[in-house]
């Protein structure tokens, strides 16, 4: 019998402002490194970090819940000046959060830190 995949629960946030700043800066570095630095990247990183913090403040602690909420919220963002879209942003934010937790994004396994 196949074992169910357990949800990934995010650590509690101690400092909302610091958490938002960290995610915004980390996502911006990733966006700028992945293709070309573009002005839209700053707006994308800011919007994604705000969406993440809003979900966490509303009590969402599961990574999949944050991912789905971010996807829904980022659908309202104008990606016309970017290489990215809402799916890419929601997924990379999830990968950034998993990386910080020491979880392999490909399979959800904890890796040694």
N, C-alpha and C. Protein backbone atom coordinates (compact mmCIF):
# COMPACT_ATOMS: atom_id res chain seq x y z
N UNK A 1 0.84 -1.17 0.00
CA UNK A 1 0.00 0.00 0.00
C UNK A 1 0.89 1.25 0.00
N UNK A 2 0.49 2.25 -0.72
CA UNK A 2 1.22 3.50 -0.82
C UNK A 2 0.96 4.37 0.40
N UNK A 3 2.02 4.94 0.92
CA UNK A 3 1.89 5.83 2.07
C UNK A 3 1.48 7.22 1.60
N UNK A 4 0.60 7.89 2.31
CA UNK A 4 0.22 9.25 1.91
C UNK A 4 1.38 10.21 2.12
N UNK A 5 1.40 11.25 1.32
CA UNK A 5 2.40 12.30 1.46
C UNK A 5 1.94 13.23 2.58
N UNK A 6 2.79 13.37 3.57
CA UNK A 6 2.44 14.24 4.69
C UNK A 6 2.63 15.70 4.31
N UNK A 7 1.79 16.57 4.84
CA UNK A 7 1.95 17.99 4.51
C UNK A 7 3.24 18.54 5.13
N UNK A 8 3.78 19.54 4.47
CA UNK A 8 4.95 20.24 5.00
C UNK A 8 4.42 21.44 5.76
N UNK A 9 4.72 21.48 7.05
CA UNK A 9 4.25 22.57 7.91
C UNK A 9 5.40 23.56 8.10
N UNK A 10 5.12 24.82 7.83
CA UNK A 10 6.13 25.87 7.94
C UNK A 10 6.33 26.25 9.40
N UNK A 11 7.55 26.66 9.70
CA UNK A 11 7.88 27.10 11.06
C UNK A 11 7.12 28.38 11.38
N UNK A 12 6.83 28.58 12.66
CA UNK A 12 6.15 29.83 13.05
C UNK A 12 7.01 31.04 12.68
N UNK A 13 6.34 32.13 12.37
CA UNK A 13 7.04 33.38 12.03
C UNK A 13 7.18 34.20 13.31
N UNK A 14 8.41 34.58 13.61
CA UNK A 14 8.66 35.37 14.81
C UNK A 14 8.62 36.87 14.53
N UNK A 15 9.07 37.28 13.35
CA UNK A 15 9.13 38.69 13.00
C UNK A 15 8.58 38.84 11.58
N UNK A 16 7.35 39.33 11.47
CA UNK A 16 6.66 39.41 10.18
C UNK A 16 7.43 40.27 9.18
N UNK A 17 7.91 41.40 9.62
CA UNK A 17 8.63 42.31 8.74
C UNK A 17 9.92 41.68 8.22
N UNK A 18 10.65 41.06 9.11
CA UNK A 18 11.90 40.41 8.72
C UNK A 18 11.63 39.25 7.75
N UNK A 19 10.58 38.49 8.00
CA UNK A 19 10.22 37.37 7.14
C UNK A 19 9.86 37.86 5.74
N UNK A 20 9.09 38.93 5.67
CA UNK A 20 8.71 39.49 4.37
C UNK A 20 9.93 40.01 3.62
N UNK A 21 10.79 40.73 4.32
CA UNK A 21 12.01 41.27 3.71
C UNK A 21 12.90 40.14 3.20
N UNK A 22 13.05 39.09 4.01
CA UNK A 22 13.88 37.94 3.61
C UNK A 22 13.33 37.29 2.34
N UNK A 23 12.03 37.01 2.31
CA UNK A 23 11.46 36.34 1.14
C UNK A 23 11.56 37.23 -0.09
N UNK A 24 11.25 38.50 0.05
CA UNK A 24 11.32 39.42 -1.09
C UNK A 24 12.74 39.45 -1.66
N UNK A 25 13.74 39.58 -0.81
CA UNK A 25 15.14 39.65 -1.27
C UNK A 25 15.58 38.33 -1.88
N UNK A 26 15.21 37.21 -1.27
CA UNK A 26 15.61 35.90 -1.78
C UNK A 26 14.96 35.62 -3.12
N UNK A 27 13.68 35.92 -3.25
CA UNK A 27 12.99 35.72 -4.52
C UNK A 27 13.55 36.64 -5.60
N UNK A 28 13.82 37.87 -5.26
CA UNK A 28 14.39 38.80 -6.24
C UNK A 28 15.74 38.31 -6.75
N UNK A 29 16.59 37.83 -5.84
CA UNK A 29 17.89 37.27 -6.28
C UNK A 29 17.69 36.11 -7.24
N UNK A 30 16.73 35.23 -6.92
CA UNK A 30 16.47 34.09 -7.79
C UNK A 30 15.96 34.55 -9.15
N UNK A 31 15.00 35.46 -9.16
CA UNK A 31 14.44 35.95 -10.42
C UNK A 31 15.51 36.59 -11.29
N UNK A 32 16.34 37.44 -10.69
CA UNK A 32 17.39 38.13 -11.44
C UNK A 32 18.46 37.16 -11.96
N UNK A 33 18.72 36.10 -11.24
CA UNK A 33 19.74 35.14 -11.65
C UNK A 33 19.22 34.14 -12.68
N UNK A 34 17.94 33.86 -12.65
CA UNK A 34 17.37 32.83 -13.52
C UNK A 34 17.39 33.24 -14.99
N UNK A 35 16.99 34.45 -15.31
CA UNK A 35 17.04 34.95 -16.68
C UNK A 35 17.85 36.24 -16.68
N UNK A 36 17.17 37.33 -16.88
CA UNK A 36 17.82 38.63 -16.86
C UNK A 36 17.20 39.48 -15.77
N UNK A 37 18.01 40.30 -15.10
CA UNK A 37 17.39 41.24 -14.17
C UNK A 37 16.47 42.17 -14.96
N UNK A 38 15.24 42.31 -14.51
CA UNK A 38 14.29 43.19 -15.18
C UNK A 38 13.49 43.94 -14.13
N UNK A 39 13.05 45.14 -14.45
CA UNK A 39 12.34 45.96 -13.47
C UNK A 39 11.13 45.25 -12.86
N UNK A 40 10.45 44.44 -13.63
CA UNK A 40 9.26 43.75 -13.13
C UNK A 40 9.58 42.79 -11.99
N UNK A 41 10.82 42.31 -11.93
CA UNK A 41 11.19 41.36 -10.88
C UNK A 41 11.00 41.94 -9.48
N UNK A 42 11.30 43.21 -9.31
CA UNK A 42 11.13 43.83 -8.00
C UNK A 42 9.66 43.86 -7.60
N UNK A 43 8.81 44.19 -8.54
CA UNK A 43 7.37 44.23 -8.25
C UNK A 43 6.83 42.83 -7.97
N UNK A 44 7.31 41.85 -8.73
CA UNK A 44 6.87 40.46 -8.53
C UNK A 44 7.29 39.99 -7.14
N UNK A 45 8.56 40.22 -6.78
CA UNK A 45 9.07 39.78 -5.49
C UNK A 45 8.31 40.45 -4.35
N UNK A 46 8.02 41.73 -4.49
CA UNK A 46 7.29 42.46 -3.44
C UNK A 46 5.87 41.90 -3.30
N UNK A 47 5.19 41.72 -4.43
CA UNK A 47 3.81 41.21 -4.40
C UNK A 47 3.77 39.80 -3.82
N UNK A 48 4.70 38.94 -4.21
CA UNK A 48 4.72 37.56 -3.71
C UNK A 48 5.00 37.53 -2.22
N UNK A 49 5.94 38.35 -1.75
CA UNK A 49 6.26 38.39 -0.33
C UNK A 49 5.06 38.90 0.48
N UNK A 50 4.35 39.88 -0.05
CA UNK A 50 3.16 40.39 0.63
C UNK A 50 2.07 39.32 0.69
N UNK A 51 1.89 38.59 -0.40
CA UNK A 51 0.89 37.52 -0.44
C UNK A 51 1.25 36.42 0.56
N UNK A 52 2.53 36.08 0.63
CA UNK A 52 2.99 35.06 1.57
C UNK A 52 2.71 35.49 3.01
N UNK A 53 3.10 36.69 3.36
CA UNK A 53 2.90 37.19 4.72
C UNK A 53 1.41 37.26 5.07
N UNK A 54 0.62 37.71 4.13
CA UNK A 54 -0.83 37.81 4.37
C UNK A 54 -1.39 36.41 4.70
N UNK A 55 -0.99 35.41 3.94
CA UNK A 55 -1.49 34.05 4.20
C UNK A 55 -1.02 33.52 5.54
N UNK A 56 0.23 33.77 5.87
CA UNK A 56 0.77 33.31 7.15
C UNK A 56 0.07 34.01 8.32
N UNK A 57 -0.18 35.32 8.17
CA UNK A 57 -0.86 36.07 9.24
C UNK A 57 -2.30 35.59 9.42
N UNK A 58 -2.89 35.07 8.35
CA UNK A 58 -4.26 34.54 8.43
C UNK A 58 -4.28 33.12 8.98
N UNK A 59 -3.09 32.58 9.31
CA UNK A 59 -3.03 31.28 9.96
C UNK A 59 -2.68 30.12 9.06
N UNK A 60 -2.34 30.37 7.81
CA UNK A 60 -1.98 29.28 6.91
C UNK A 60 -0.54 28.86 7.20
N UNK A 61 -0.37 27.62 7.66
CA UNK A 61 0.95 27.12 8.00
C UNK A 61 1.42 25.97 7.12
N UNK A 62 0.55 25.45 6.27
CA UNK A 62 0.97 24.35 5.40
C UNK A 62 1.52 24.92 4.10
N UNK A 63 2.58 24.32 3.62
CA UNK A 63 3.23 24.81 2.40
C UNK A 63 2.29 24.72 1.22
N UNK A 64 1.52 23.64 1.12
CA UNK A 64 0.61 23.52 -0.02
C UNK A 64 -0.49 24.58 0.03
N UNK A 65 -0.96 24.91 1.23
CA UNK A 65 -1.96 25.97 1.37
C UNK A 65 -1.41 27.32 0.97
N UNK A 66 -0.18 27.61 1.38
CA UNK A 66 0.47 28.87 1.00
C UNK A 66 0.66 28.91 -0.51
N UNK A 67 1.07 27.79 -1.09
CA UNK A 67 1.31 27.72 -2.53
C UNK A 67 0.02 28.01 -3.31
N UNK A 68 -1.06 27.37 -2.93
CA UNK A 68 -2.34 27.57 -3.63
C UNK A 68 -2.87 28.99 -3.46
N UNK A 69 -2.74 29.52 -2.25
CA UNK A 69 -3.20 30.89 -2.01
C UNK A 69 -2.37 31.89 -2.79
N UNK A 70 -1.06 31.66 -2.86
CA UNK A 70 -0.19 32.57 -3.61
C UNK A 70 -0.52 32.49 -5.10
N UNK A 71 -0.74 31.30 -5.59
CA UNK A 71 -1.12 31.13 -6.99
C UNK A 71 -2.39 31.93 -7.29
N UNK A 72 -3.39 31.80 -6.45
CA UNK A 72 -4.65 32.53 -6.67
C UNK A 72 -4.42 34.04 -6.60
N UNK A 73 -3.65 34.48 -5.62
CA UNK A 73 -3.44 35.92 -5.46
C UNK A 73 -2.58 36.50 -6.59
N UNK A 74 -1.61 35.75 -7.06
CA UNK A 74 -0.71 36.25 -8.11
C UNK A 74 -1.40 36.26 -9.48
N UNK A 75 -2.56 35.63 -9.61
CA UNK A 75 -3.28 35.69 -10.88
C UNK A 75 -3.73 37.10 -11.20
N UNK A 76 -3.84 37.94 -10.20
CA UNK A 76 -4.22 39.33 -10.41
C UNK A 76 -3.05 40.23 -10.78
N UNK A 77 -1.83 39.70 -10.78
CA UNK A 77 -0.65 40.49 -11.10
C UNK A 77 -0.45 40.53 -12.61
N UNK A 78 -0.02 41.66 -13.14
CA UNK A 78 0.23 41.82 -14.58
C UNK A 78 1.65 41.33 -14.89
N UNK A 79 1.76 40.15 -15.46
CA UNK A 79 3.05 39.56 -15.80
C UNK A 79 3.49 39.89 -17.24
N UNK A 80 2.83 40.83 -17.89
CA UNK A 80 3.12 41.11 -19.29
C UNK A 80 4.54 41.64 -19.52
N UNK A 81 5.17 42.19 -18.50
CA UNK A 81 6.53 42.72 -18.64
C UNK A 81 7.57 41.76 -18.06
N UNK A 82 7.22 40.48 -17.98
CA UNK A 82 8.08 39.51 -17.32
C UNK A 82 8.12 38.19 -18.09
N UNK A 83 9.15 37.41 -17.80
CA UNK A 83 9.24 36.05 -18.34
C UNK A 83 8.39 35.09 -17.51
N UNK A 84 7.96 35.50 -16.35
CA UNK A 84 7.34 34.62 -15.38
C UNK A 84 5.82 34.72 -15.39
N UNK A 85 5.19 33.81 -14.69
CA UNK A 85 3.75 33.81 -14.49
C UNK A 85 3.45 33.35 -13.08
N UNK A 86 2.17 33.33 -12.72
CA UNK A 86 1.79 33.02 -11.36
C UNK A 86 2.19 31.62 -10.90
N UNK A 87 2.14 30.64 -11.82
CA UNK A 87 2.52 29.28 -11.45
C UNK A 87 4.01 29.21 -11.10
N UNK A 88 4.84 29.83 -11.92
CA UNK A 88 6.28 29.83 -11.67
C UNK A 88 6.60 30.50 -10.34
N UNK A 89 5.96 31.60 -10.05
CA UNK A 89 6.25 32.34 -8.81
C UNK A 89 5.80 31.54 -7.60
N UNK A 90 4.59 31.02 -7.61
CA UNK A 90 4.11 30.23 -6.47
C UNK A 90 5.02 29.02 -6.24
N UNK A 91 5.44 28.37 -7.30
CA UNK A 91 6.29 27.20 -7.16
C UNK A 91 7.69 27.55 -6.67
N UNK A 92 8.28 28.61 -7.16
CA UNK A 92 9.63 28.95 -6.71
C UNK A 92 9.60 29.43 -5.26
N UNK A 93 8.55 30.13 -4.85
CA UNK A 93 8.44 30.51 -3.44
C UNK A 93 8.39 29.25 -2.58
N UNK A 94 7.64 28.25 -3.01
CA UNK A 94 7.59 26.99 -2.27
C UNK A 94 8.97 26.34 -2.20
N UNK A 95 9.70 26.36 -3.30
CA UNK A 95 11.05 25.79 -3.31
C UNK A 95 11.99 26.55 -2.39
N UNK A 96 11.88 27.87 -2.38
CA UNK A 96 12.72 28.69 -1.49
C UNK A 96 12.42 28.34 -0.03
N UNK A 97 11.15 28.21 0.30
CA UNK A 97 10.77 27.87 1.67
C UNK A 97 11.23 26.47 2.05
N UNK A 98 11.10 25.52 1.12
CA UNK A 98 11.56 24.16 1.40
C UNK A 98 13.08 24.12 1.55
N UNK A 99 13.78 24.87 0.72
CA UNK A 99 15.23 24.91 0.82
C UNK A 99 15.66 25.41 2.19
N UNK A 100 15.00 26.45 2.67
CA UNK A 100 15.34 27.00 3.99
C UNK A 100 15.09 25.96 5.09
N UNK A 101 14.10 25.08 4.88
CA UNK A 101 13.79 24.05 5.87
C UNK A 101 14.65 22.80 5.72
N UNK A 102 15.45 22.75 4.65
CA UNK A 102 16.28 21.57 4.41
C UNK A 102 15.52 20.43 3.77
N UNK A 103 14.47 20.75 3.03
CA UNK A 103 13.65 19.74 2.36
C UNK A 103 13.94 19.79 0.87
N UNK A 104 14.19 18.63 0.27
CA UNK A 104 14.43 18.56 -1.16
C UNK A 104 13.13 18.87 -1.92
N UNK A 105 13.14 19.88 -2.78
CA UNK A 105 11.91 20.23 -3.51
C UNK A 105 11.40 19.11 -4.42
N UNK A 106 12.28 18.28 -4.92
CA UNK A 106 11.85 17.27 -5.87
C UNK A 106 11.01 16.16 -5.25
N UNK A 107 11.26 15.86 -4.00
CA UNK A 107 10.58 14.69 -3.46
C UNK A 107 10.12 14.85 -2.01
N UNK A 108 10.33 16.01 -1.40
CA UNK A 108 9.86 16.26 -0.05
C UNK A 108 10.66 15.57 1.05
N UNK A 109 11.84 15.06 0.71
CA UNK A 109 12.67 14.40 1.71
C UNK A 109 13.55 15.41 2.42
N UNK A 110 13.73 15.20 3.70
CA UNK A 110 14.62 16.06 4.47
C UNK A 110 16.06 15.70 4.11
N UNK A 111 16.85 16.70 3.83
CA UNK A 111 18.25 16.46 3.51
C UNK A 111 19.11 16.94 4.66
N UNK A 112 20.29 16.38 4.79
CA UNK A 112 21.17 16.86 5.86
C UNK A 112 21.61 18.30 5.60
N UNK A 113 21.59 19.10 6.66
CA UNK A 113 21.99 20.51 6.51
C UNK A 113 23.46 20.65 6.83
